[in-house]
Amino acid sequence: MDMINEAGKGEKTKYRLARSMKECMKTMSVDNITVKQITENCGVTRQTFYRNFMDKFDLINWYFDKLLAKSFEHMGTGKIYRYSGKLPVKVQLGTFRWIPQSELP
């Protein structure tokens, strides 16, 4: 992911946490994911998580902001920036969950 390579040291930790959150979301709903699972999956402490984010929803919002900013950066340049995840995400009133391709309209 080139966003990670472009990030500074502090941002790289945030991207590692986001990648861990995405991995957890492949097998369970956001409501069932704990900060402990996120941090253990990427090898950082809970203290590091809370130094960067208020909670798991803050992490999700931060990551979506980064994706949107990167997409807007490329508007009008002929480049397309797409999320490279295998499963699409559905957003409803602050609730995030992975939706399998087969369930999309």
C-alpha atoms as a PDB file:
ATOM      1  CA  MET A   1       0.000   0.000   0.000  1.00  0.00           C
ATOM      2  CA  ASP A   2       1.687   3.211  -1.123  1.00  0.00           C
ATOM      3  CA  MET A   3      -0.051   5.340   1.507  1.00  0.00           C
ATOM      4  CA  ILE A   4       2.004   3.509   4.135  1.00  0.00           C
ATOM      5  CA  ASN A   5       5.265   4.109   2.281  1.00  0.00           C
ATOM      6  CA  GLU A   6       4.451   7.830   2.047  1.00  0.00           C
ATOM      7  CA  ALA A   7       3.636   8.071   5.767  1.00  0.00           C
ATOM      8  CA  GLY A   8       5.939   9.247   8.513  1.00  0.00           C
ATOM      9  CA  LYS A   9       6.939   7.010  11.420  1.00  0.00           C
ATOM     10  CA  GLY A  10       3.938   7.942  13.603  1.00  0.00           C
ATOM     11  CA  GLU A  11       1.538   7.438  10.717  1.00  0.00           C
ATOM     12  CA  LYS A  12       2.970   3.991   9.967  1.00  0.00           C
ATOM     13  CA  THR A  13       1.763   2.800  13.368  1.00  0.00           C
ATOM     14  CA  LYS A  14      -1.713   4.062  12.535  1.00  0.00           C
ATOM     15  CA  TYR A  15      -1.665   2.213   9.212  1.00  0.00           C
ATOM     16  CA  ARG A  16      -0.532  -0.981  10.982  1.00  0.00           C
ATOM     17  CA  LEU A  17      -3.485  -0.645  13.352  1.00  0.00           C
ATOM     18  CA  ALA A  18      -5.833  -0.015  10.410  1.00  0.00           C
ATOM     19  CA  ARG A  19      -4.521  -3.098   8.598  1.00  0.00           C
ATOM     20  CA  SER A  20      -5.079  -5.137  11.778  1.00  0.00           C
ATOM     21  CA  MET A  21      -8.629  -3.796  12.089  1.00  0.00           C
ATOM     22  CA  LYS A  22      -9.348  -4.744   8.466  1.00  0.00           C
ATOM     23  CA  GLU A  23      -8.076  -8.265   9.113  1.00  0.00           C
ATOM     24  CA  CYS A  24     -10.343  -8.609  12.155  1.00  0.00           C
ATOM     25  CA  MET A  25     -13.314  -7.288  10.162  1.00  0.00           C
ATOM     26  CA  LYS A  26     -12.940 -10.167   7.696  1.00  0.00           C
ATOM     27  CA  THR A  27     -14.055 -12.644  10.346  1.00  0.00           C
ATOM     28  CA  MET A  28     -16.219 -10.661  12.783  1.00  0.00           C
ATOM     29  CA  SER A  29     -18.390  -7.581  13.067  1.00  0.00           C
ATOM     30  CA  VAL A  30     -16.926  -4.308  14.294  1.00  0.00           C
ATOM     31  CA  ASP A  31     -19.034  -4.518  17.441  1.00  0.00           C
ATOM     32  CA  ASN A  32     -17.315  -7.778  18.403  1.00  0.00           C
ATOM     33  CA  ILE A  33     -13.745  -6.595  17.764  1.00  0.00           C
ATOM     34  CA  THR A  34     -11.783  -5.442  20.802  1.00  0.00           C
ATOM     35  CA  VAL A  35      -8.848  -3.060  20.996  1.00  0.00           C
ATOM     36  CA  LYS A  36      -6.901  -5.937  22.530  1.00  0.00           C
ATOM     37  CA  GLN A  37      -7.483  -8.057  19.390  1.00  0.00           C
ATOM     38  CA  ILE A  38      -6.430  -5.186  17.133  1.00  0.00           C
ATOM     39  CA  THR A  39      -3.225  -4.518  19.059  1.00  0.00           C
ATOM     40  CA  GLU A  40      -2.243  -8.161  19.519  1.00  0.00           C
ATOM     41  CA  ASN A  41      -2.735  -8.784  15.801  1.00  0.00           C
ATOM     42  CA  CYS A  42      -0.217  -6.080  14.841  1.00  0.00           C
ATOM     43  CA  GLY A  43       2.171  -6.338  17.799  1.00  0.00           C
ATOM     44  CA  VAL A  44       1.649  -2.990  19.521  1.00  0.00           C
ATOM     45  CA  THR A  45       0.443  -2.201  23.013  1.00  0.00           C
ATOM     46  CA  ARG A  46      -2.993  -0.933  23.970  1.00  0.00           C
ATOM     47  CA  GLN A  47      -1.203   2.188  25.222  1.00  0.00           C
ATOM     48  CA  THR A  48       0.079   2.792  21.676  1.00  0.00           C
ATOM     49  CA  PHE A  49      -3.443   2.341  20.316  1.00  0.00           C
ATOM     50  CA  TYR A  50      -4.907   4.878  22.745  1.00  0.00           C
ATOM     51  CA  ARG A  51      -2.049   7.308  22.096  1.00  0.00           C
ATOM     52  CA  ASN A  52      -3.255   7.413  18.490  1.00  0.00           C
ATOM     53  CA  PHE A  53      -7.023   6.837  18.680  1.00  0.00           C
ATOM     54  CA  MET A  54      -9.885   7.317  21.131  1.00  0.00           C
ATOM     55  CA  ASP A  55     -11.514   3.991  20.209  1.00  0.00           C
ATOM     56  CA  LYS A  56     -11.911   1.552  17.308  1.00  0.00           C
ATOM     57  CA  PHE A  57     -14.434   3.833  15.597  1.00  0.00           C
ATOM     58  CA  ASP A  58     -11.926   6.685  15.672  1.00  0.00           C
ATOM     59  CA  LEU A  59      -9.466   4.336  13.931  1.00  0.00           C
ATOM     60  CA  ILE A  60     -12.033   3.463  11.241  1.00  0.00           C
ATOM     61  CA  ASN A  61     -12.898   7.126  10.672  1.00  0.00           C
ATOM     62  CA  TRP A  62      -9.207   8.053  10.420  1.00  0.00           C
ATOM     63  CA  TYR A  63      -8.597   5.355   7.822  1.00  0.00           C
ATOM     64  CA  PHE A  64     -11.607   6.339   5.702  1.00  0.00           C
ATOM     65  CA  ASP A  65     -10.463   9.971   5.860  1.00  0.00           C
ATOM     66  CA  LYS A  66      -7.068   8.880   4.509  1.00  0.00           C
ATOM     67  CA  LEU A  67      -8.675   6.880   1.686  1.00  0.00           C
ATOM     68  CA  LEU A  68     -10.914   9.786   0.729  1.00  0.00           C
ATOM     69  CA  ALA A  69      -8.076  12.304   0.849  1.00  0.00           C
ATOM     70  CA  LYS A  70      -5.962  10.079  -1.401  1.00  0.00           C
ATOM     71  CA  SER A  71      -8.866   9.661  -3.835  1.00  0.00           C
ATOM     72  CA  PHE A  72      -9.500  13.423  -3.992  1.00  0.00           C
ATOM     73  CA  GLU A  73      -5.789  14.014  -4.504  1.00  0.00           C
ATOM     74  CA  HIS A  74      -5.974  12.056  -7.751  1.00  0.00           C
ATOM     75  CA  MET A  75      -9.201  13.587  -9.085  1.00  0.00           C
ATOM     76  CA  GLY A  76      -8.670  15.135 -12.468  1.00  0.00           C
ATOM     77  CA  THR A  77      -5.202  13.637 -12.903  1.00  0.00           C
ATOM     78  CA  GLY A  78      -6.322  10.597 -14.846  1.00  0.00           C
ATOM     79  CA  LYS A  79      -5.222   8.344 -11.978  1.00  0.00           C
ATOM     80  CA  ILE A  80      -7.642   6.183 -10.070  1.00  0.00           C
ATOM     81  CA  TYR A  81      -7.045   5.262  -6.453  1.00  0.00           C
ATOM     82  CA  ARG A  82      -9.023   2.282  -5.305  1.00  0.00           C
ATOM     83  CA  TYR A  83      -9.248   0.475  -2.022  1.00  0.00           C
ATOM     84  CA  SER A  84      -7.407  -2.808  -2.524  1.00  0.00           C
ATOM     85  CA  GLY A  85      -9.372  -4.858   0.003  1.00  0.00           C
ATOM     86  CA  LYS A  86     -11.119  -7.983  -1.178  1.00  0.00           C
ATOM     87  CA  LEU A  87     -14.413  -7.294   0.550  1.00  0.00           C
ATOM     88  CA  PRO A  88     -16.450  -4.100   0.074  1.00  0.00           C
ATOM     89  CA  VAL A  89     -17.492  -2.117   3.118  1.00  0.00           C
ATOM     90  CA  LYS A  90     -20.966  -0.760   3.761  1.00  0.00           C
ATOM     91  CA  VAL A  91     -21.423   2.344   5.912  1.00  0.00           C
ATOM     92  CA  GLN A  92     -24.721   3.105   7.626  1.00  0.00           C
ATOM     93  CA  LEU A  93     -25.121   5.790  10.257  1.00  0.00           C
ATOM     94  CA  GLY A  94     -21.724   5.198  11.804  1.00  0.00           C
ATOM     95  CA  THR A  95     -21.992   1.402  11.666  1.00  0.00           C
ATOM     96  CA  PHE A  96     -19.310  -0.393   9.675  1.00  0.00           C
ATOM     97  CA  ARG A  97     -19.314  -4.025   8.670  1.00  0.00           C
ATOM     98  CA  TRP A  98     -17.924  -6.125   5.863  1.00  0.00           C
ATOM     99  CA  ILE A  99     -20.479  -7.234   3.300  1.00  0.00           C
ATOM    100  CA  PRO A 100     -19.629 -10.235   1.107  1.00  0.00           C
ATOM    101  CA  GLN A 101     -19.801  -9.516  -2.631  1.00  0.00           C
ATOM    102  CA  SER A 102     -22.690 -11.961  -2.969  1.00  0.00           C
ATOM    103  CA  GLU A 103     -24.887  -9.846  -0.659  1.00  0.00           C
ATOM    104  CA  LEU A 104     -24.448  -6.581  -2.574  1.00  0.00           C
ATOM    105  CA  PRO A 105     -27.354  -5.354  -4.731  1.00  0.00           C
END
